[in-house]
Amino acid sequence: QYRLVESGGGLVQPGGSLRLSCAASGFTLDYYAIGWFRQAPGKEREGVSCIGASGGDINYADSVKGRFTISRDNAKKMVYLQMNTLKPEDTAVYSCRVLTSRGDYWGQGTQVTVSS
């Protein structure tokens, strides 16, 4: 069973940092690119960042470039999103996603709230 579980969200002040984790199970993470997405209240879900299967081919949304860093550890079956210099507009539920030949799988999401 393909499964993704996010963790690491929370409440942080503007300018602060958080590191989100996405734990994969039930499939071989090495084979797949992984994406991070977010959805703020009342807004459409948007792509934040993605990373290729081997750790290359990294992309970021313009809104997070220079502040967020995506990485992965295939041996640990983990994908990370380091978020620095957080802004109130980064407040959202963050989810990771893997698109495979067997289907499109999402985690349940983790809430990130940036507020003073």
N, C-alpha and C. Protein backbone atom coordinates (compact mmCIF):
# COMPACT_ATOMS: atom_id res chain seq x y z
N GLN A 1 0.84 -1.18 0.00
CA GLN A 1 0.00 0.00 0.00
C GLN A 1 0.89 1.24 0.00
N TYR A 2 0.74 2.06 -1.03
CA TYR A 2 1.50 3.30 -1.12
C TYR A 2 1.00 4.25 -0.04
N ARG A 3 1.94 4.82 0.72
CA ARG A 3 1.53 5.72 1.78
C ARG A 3 2.56 6.83 1.97
N LEU A 4 2.05 8.04 2.18
CA LEU A 4 2.87 9.20 2.49
C LEU A 4 2.34 9.84 3.76
N VAL A 5 3.22 10.17 4.68
CA VAL A 5 2.81 10.79 5.94
C VAL A 5 3.70 12.01 6.20
N GLU A 6 3.06 13.17 6.28
CA GLU A 6 3.78 14.40 6.54
C GLU A 6 3.84 14.69 8.04
N SER A 7 4.87 15.41 8.42
CA SER A 7 5.00 15.87 9.80
C SER A 7 5.86 17.12 9.81
N GLY A 8 5.88 17.79 10.95
CA GLY A 8 6.76 18.94 11.11
C GLY A 8 6.08 20.28 11.06
N GLY A 9 4.78 20.30 10.79
CA GLY A 9 4.09 21.57 10.76
C GLY A 9 3.90 22.15 12.15
N GLY A 10 3.37 23.37 12.19
CA GLY A 10 3.14 24.00 13.48
C GLY A 10 2.94 25.48 13.32
N LEU A 11 2.96 26.15 14.48
CA LEU A 11 2.81 27.60 14.53
C LEU A 11 4.19 28.23 14.67
N VAL A 12 4.49 29.18 13.81
CA VAL A 12 5.79 29.84 13.85
C VAL A 12 5.59 31.33 13.58
N GLN A 13 6.45 32.15 14.15
CA GLN A 13 6.37 33.58 13.92
C GLN A 13 6.95 33.94 12.55
N PRO A 14 6.53 35.04 11.99
CA PRO A 14 7.14 35.50 10.73
C PRO A 14 8.65 35.60 10.86
N GLY A 15 9.34 35.14 9.84
CA GLY A 15 10.79 35.11 9.87
C GLY A 15 11.37 33.81 10.40
N GLY A 16 10.51 32.98 10.96
CA GLY A 16 10.97 31.73 11.54
C GLY A 16 11.15 30.64 10.51
N SER A 17 11.49 29.44 11.02
CA SER A 17 11.77 28.30 10.14
C SER A 17 11.03 27.06 10.63
N LEU A 18 10.75 26.19 9.69
CA LEU A 18 10.22 24.86 9.98
C LEU A 18 10.81 23.90 8.98
N ARG A 19 10.92 22.64 9.38
CA ARG A 19 11.30 21.60 8.43
C ARG A 19 10.19 20.56 8.37
N LEU A 20 9.61 20.42 7.22
CA LEU A 20 8.58 19.40 7.02
C LEU A 20 9.22 18.11 6.54
N SER A 21 8.63 17.01 6.96
CA SER A 21 9.10 15.69 6.53
C SER A 21 7.95 14.94 5.87
N CYS A 22 8.31 14.14 4.89
CA CYS A 22 7.35 13.28 4.21
C CYS A 22 7.92 11.87 4.24
N ALA A 23 7.27 10.99 4.98
CA ALA A 23 7.73 9.61 5.12
C ALA A 23 6.97 8.73 4.14
N ALA A 24 7.70 7.98 3.34
CA ALA A 24 7.09 7.11 2.33
C ALA A 24 7.15 5.66 2.79
N SER A 25 6.12 4.92 2.48
CA SER A 25 6.10 3.49 2.78
C SER A 25 5.26 2.77 1.75
N GLY A 26 5.53 1.48 1.58
CA GLY A 26 4.75 0.67 0.67
C GLY A 26 5.21 0.72 -0.77
N PHE A 27 6.27 1.47 -1.04
CA PHE A 27 6.80 1.51 -2.40
C PHE A 27 8.26 1.93 -2.36
N THR A 28 8.94 1.78 -3.48
CA THR A 28 10.36 2.13 -3.56
C THR A 28 10.48 3.59 -3.92
N LEU A 29 10.82 4.40 -2.92
CA LEU A 29 10.88 5.86 -3.11
C LEU A 29 11.87 6.24 -4.20
N ASP A 30 12.96 5.44 -4.32
CA ASP A 30 14.03 5.77 -5.27
C ASP A 30 13.54 5.97 -6.69
N TYR A 31 12.42 5.38 -7.03
CA TYR A 31 11.98 5.38 -8.43
C TYR A 31 11.24 6.65 -8.83
N TYR A 32 10.84 7.46 -7.84
CA TYR A 32 9.85 8.49 -8.14
C TYR A 32 10.26 9.89 -7.71
N ALA A 33 9.83 10.86 -8.52
CA ALA A 33 9.88 12.26 -8.09
C ALA A 33 8.80 12.49 -7.03
N ILE A 34 9.05 13.43 -6.16
CA ILE A 34 8.11 13.78 -5.09
C ILE A 34 7.86 15.28 -5.14
N GLY A 35 6.62 15.64 -4.95
CA GLY A 35 6.26 17.06 -4.92
C GLY A 35 5.67 17.47 -3.58
N TRP A 36 5.94 18.71 -3.23
CA TRP A 36 5.26 19.35 -2.09
C TRP A 36 4.26 20.35 -2.63
N PHE A 37 3.07 20.33 -2.06
CA PHE A 37 1.99 21.23 -2.44
C PHE A 37 1.45 21.89 -1.17
N ARG A 38 0.73 22.97 -1.36
CA ARG A 38 0.08 23.61 -0.22
C ARG A 38 -1.26 24.18 -0.64
N GLN A 39 -2.14 24.25 0.35
CA GLN A 39 -3.46 24.84 0.11
C GLN A 39 -3.82 25.71 1.29
N ALA A 40 -4.02 26.99 1.01
CA ALA A 40 -4.44 27.93 2.03
C ALA A 40 -5.97 28.01 2.02
N PRO A 41 -6.56 28.43 3.14
CA PRO A 41 -8.02 28.53 3.20
C PRO A 41 -8.56 29.42 2.09
N GLY A 42 -9.55 28.90 1.37
CA GLY A 42 -10.19 29.69 0.33
C GLY A 42 -9.41 29.81 -0.95
N LYS A 43 -8.27 29.12 -1.03
CA LYS A 43 -7.42 29.20 -2.22
C LYS A 43 -7.24 27.82 -2.85
N GLU A 44 -6.85 27.82 -4.11
CA GLU A 44 -6.56 26.56 -4.78
C GLU A 44 -5.22 26.01 -4.32
N ARG A 45 -5.10 24.70 -4.42
CA ARG A 45 -3.84 24.06 -4.09
C ARG A 45 -2.78 24.48 -5.10
N GLU A 46 -1.58 24.71 -4.61
CA GLU A 46 -0.50 25.13 -5.50
C GLU A 46 0.74 24.29 -5.25
N GLY A 47 1.52 24.10 -6.30
CA GLY A 47 2.77 23.40 -6.17
C GLY A 47 3.82 24.29 -5.52
N VAL A 48 4.56 23.73 -4.59
CA VAL A 48 5.59 24.47 -3.88
C VAL A 48 6.98 24.10 -4.39
N SER A 49 7.24 22.80 -4.47
CA SER A 49 8.55 22.34 -4.89
C SER A 49 8.47 20.88 -5.30
N CYS A 50 9.41 20.45 -6.12
CA CYS A 50 9.48 19.04 -6.46
C CYS A 50 10.94 18.64 -6.65
N ILE A 51 11.19 17.36 -6.48
CA ILE A 51 12.54 16.84 -6.56
C ILE A 51 12.54 15.53 -7.32
N GLY A 52 13.50 15.36 -8.21
CA GLY A 52 13.58 14.14 -9.00
C GLY A 52 13.95 12.93 -8.17
N ALA A 53 13.83 11.78 -8.79
CA ALA A 53 14.01 10.52 -8.08
C ALA A 53 15.39 10.38 -7.44
N SER A 54 16.41 10.88 -8.12
CA SER A 54 17.78 10.74 -7.62
C SER A 54 18.24 11.96 -6.84
N GLY A 55 17.36 12.94 -6.67
CA GLY A 55 17.71 14.13 -5.91
C GLY A 55 18.05 15.34 -6.77
N GLY A 56 18.12 15.13 -8.07
CA GLY A 56 18.35 16.26 -8.97
C GLY A 56 17.02 16.79 -9.48
N ASP A 57 17.10 17.60 -10.51
CA ASP A 57 15.89 18.12 -11.15
C ASP A 57 14.95 18.73 -10.11
N ILE A 58 15.42 19.75 -9.44
CA ILE A 58 14.66 20.42 -8.37
C ILE A 58 14.04 21.69 -8.92
N ASN A 59 12.80 21.92 -8.53
CA ASN A 59 12.09 23.13 -8.93
C ASN A 59 11.34 23.72 -7.74
N TYR A 60 11.18 25.05 -7.80
CA TYR A 60 10.47 25.77 -6.75
C TYR A 60 9.48 26.75 -7.37
N ALA A 61 8.40 26.97 -6.65
CA ALA A 61 7.51 28.06 -7.01
C ALA A 61 8.25 29.38 -6.78
N ASP A 62 7.93 30.37 -7.61
CA ASP A 62 8.60 31.66 -7.47
C ASP A 62 8.42 32.24 -6.08
N SER A 63 7.28 31.98 -5.47
CA SER A 63 6.97 32.56 -4.17
C SER A 63 7.85 32.04 -3.04
N VAL A 64 8.53 30.90 -3.27
CA VAL A 64 9.34 30.31 -2.19
C VAL A 64 10.82 30.22 -2.55
N LYS A 65 11.18 30.58 -3.76
CA LYS A 65 12.59 30.50 -4.18
C LYS A 65 13.47 31.31 -3.25
N GLY A 66 14.58 30.70 -2.87
CA GLY A 66 15.52 31.38 -1.99
C GLY A 66 15.19 31.24 -0.52
N ARG A 67 13.99 30.72 -0.22
CA ARG A 67 13.59 30.55 1.20
C ARG A 67 13.39 29.09 1.56
N PHE A 68 12.91 28.30 0.61
CA PHE A 68 12.63 26.88 0.86
C PHE A 68 13.67 26.02 0.15
N THR A 69 13.97 24.87 0.77
CA THR A 69 14.89 23.91 0.18
C THR A 69 14.31 22.51 0.30
N ILE A 70 14.20 21.83 -0.82
CA ILE A 70 13.71 20.46 -0.82
C ILE A 70 14.89 19.51 -0.87
N SER A 71 14.76 18.37 -0.20
CA SER A 71 15.81 17.36 -0.23
C SER A 71 15.17 16.00 0.01
N ARG A 72 15.97 14.96 -0.20
CA ARG A 72 15.45 13.62 0.02
C ARG A 72 16.56 12.70 0.48
N ASP A 73 16.15 11.67 1.21
CA ASP A 73 17.05 10.62 1.65
C ASP A 73 16.38 9.30 1.29
N ASN A 74 16.74 8.76 0.15
CA ASN A 74 16.05 7.55 -0.33
C ASN A 74 16.29 6.36 0.59
N ALA A 75 17.45 6.31 1.22
CA ALA A 75 17.73 5.20 2.13
C ALA A 75 16.76 5.21 3.31
N LYS A 76 16.40 6.40 3.76
CA LYS A 76 15.47 6.53 4.88
C LYS A 76 14.03 6.66 4.39
N LYS A 77 13.84 6.72 3.08
CA LYS A 77 12.50 6.87 2.49
C LYS A 77 11.83 8.16 2.99
N MET A 78 12.61 9.22 2.97
CA MET A 78 12.13 10.50 3.47
C MET A 78 12.38 11.60 2.45
N VAL A 79 11.46 12.55 2.42
CA VAL A 79 11.63 13.78 1.64
C VAL A 79 11.37 14.94 2.60
N TYR A 80 12.17 15.98 2.47
CA TYR A 80 12.11 17.10 3.40
C TYR A 80 11.84 18.41 2.67
N LEU A 81 11.26 19.33 3.42
CA LEU A 81 11.11 20.69 2.92
C LEU A 81 11.53 21.63 4.03
N GLN A 82 12.71 22.21 3.89
CA GLN A 82 13.20 23.20 4.84
C GLN A 82 12.65 24.55 4.44
N MET A 83 11.94 25.17 5.37
CA MET A 83 11.29 26.45 5.08
C MET A 83 11.87 27.51 6.00
N ASN A 84 12.51 28.49 5.42
CA ASN A 84 13.12 29.59 6.18
C ASN A 84 12.44 30.90 5.84
N THR A 85 12.68 31.88 6.68
CA THR A 85 12.12 33.23 6.48
C THR A 85 10.63 33.14 6.14
N LEU A 86 9.91 32.43 6.97
CA LEU A 86 8.50 32.21 6.70
C LEU A 86 7.70 33.50 6.80
N LYS A 87 6.67 33.57 5.97
CA LYS A 87 5.80 34.74 5.90
C LYS A 87 4.37 34.31 6.21
N PRO A 88 3.54 35.24 6.64
CA PRO A 88 2.13 34.89 6.89
C PRO A 88 1.46 34.25 5.68
N GLU A 89 1.85 34.65 4.50
CA GLU A 89 1.24 34.07 3.30
C GLU A 89 1.68 32.64 3.01
N ASP A 90 2.61 32.13 3.78
CA ASP A 90 2.99 30.72 3.67
C ASP A 90 2.04 29.82 4.47
N THR A 91 1.14 30.42 5.23
CA THR A 91 0.19 29.65 6.01
C THR A 91 -0.67 28.79 5.10
N ALA A 92 -0.69 27.48 5.36
CA ALA A 92 -1.42 26.55 4.51
C ALA A 92 -1.27 25.14 5.07
N VAL A 93 -2.03 24.23 4.51
CA VAL A 93 -1.80 22.81 4.74
C VAL A 93 -0.84 22.33 3.65
N TYR A 94 0.26 21.73 4.08
CA TYR A 94 1.28 21.26 3.16
C TYR A 94 1.19 19.74 3.02
N SER A 95 1.21 19.30 1.77
CA SER A 95 1.08 17.87 1.49
C SER A 95 2.16 17.43 0.51
N CYS A 96 2.57 16.18 0.65
CA CYS A 96 3.48 15.62 -0.35
C CYS A 96 2.71 14.66 -1.25
N ARG A 97 3.27 14.46 -2.43
CA ARG A 97 2.56 13.70 -3.45
C ARG A 97 3.55 12.89 -4.27
N VAL A 98 3.11 11.67 -4.64
CA VAL A 98 3.87 10.87 -5.58
C VAL A 98 2.93 10.36 -6.66
N LEU A 99 3.36 10.54 -7.89
CA LEU A 99 2.58 10.07 -9.03
C LEU A 99 3.27 8.83 -9.58
N THR A 100 2.60 7.71 -9.50
CA THR A 100 3.21 6.45 -9.94
C THR A 100 2.35 5.81 -11.03
N SER A 101 2.86 4.72 -11.57
CA SER A 101 2.11 3.98 -12.58
C SER A 101 0.86 3.35 -11.97
N ARG A 102 0.86 3.22 -10.66
CA ARG A 102 -0.30 2.61 -9.99
C ARG A 102 -1.31 3.64 -9.53
N GLY A 103 -0.93 4.90 -9.54
CA GLY A 103 -1.87 5.91 -9.11
C GLY A 103 -1.20 7.15 -8.58
N ASP A 104 -2.02 8.07 -8.15
CA ASP A 104 -1.61 9.38 -7.64
C ASP A 104 -1.87 9.37 -6.13
N TYR A 105 -0.79 9.48 -5.35
CA TYR A 105 -0.92 9.33 -3.91
C TYR A 105 -0.52 10.61 -3.18
N TRP A 106 -1.32 10.95 -2.17
CA TRP A 106 -1.11 12.14 -1.36
C TRP A 106 -1.07 11.77 0.11
N GLY A 107 -0.32 12.55 0.87
CA GLY A 107 -0.38 12.43 2.30
C GLY A 107 -1.58 13.19 2.83
N GLN A 108 -1.77 13.11 4.14
CA GLN A 108 -2.94 13.75 4.75
C GLN A 108 -2.71 15.25 4.98
N GLY A 109 -1.45 15.66 4.91
CA GLY A 109 -1.13 17.08 5.08
C GLY A 109 -0.73 17.44 6.49
N THR A 110 0.03 18.52 6.60
CA THR A 110 0.42 19.06 7.90
C THR A 110 0.22 20.57 7.86
N GLN A 111 -0.36 21.10 8.92
CA GLN A 111 -0.72 22.53 8.95
C GLN A 111 0.50 23.37 9.32
N VAL A 112 0.73 24.39 8.54
CA VAL A 112 1.75 25.39 8.84
C VAL A 112 1.05 26.73 9.01
N THR A 113 1.24 27.34 10.16
CA THR A 113 0.64 28.63 10.44
C THR A 113 1.74 29.62 10.81
N VAL A 114 1.82 30.69 10.06
CA VAL A 114 2.83 31.73 10.30
C VAL A 114 2.11 32.96 10.81
N SER A 115 2.31 33.26 12.06
CA SER A 115 1.58 34.35 12.68
C SER A 115 2.32 34.84 13.91
N SER A 116 2.18 36.14 14.17
CA SER A 116 2.77 36.69 15.40
C SER A 116 1.73 36.73 16.51
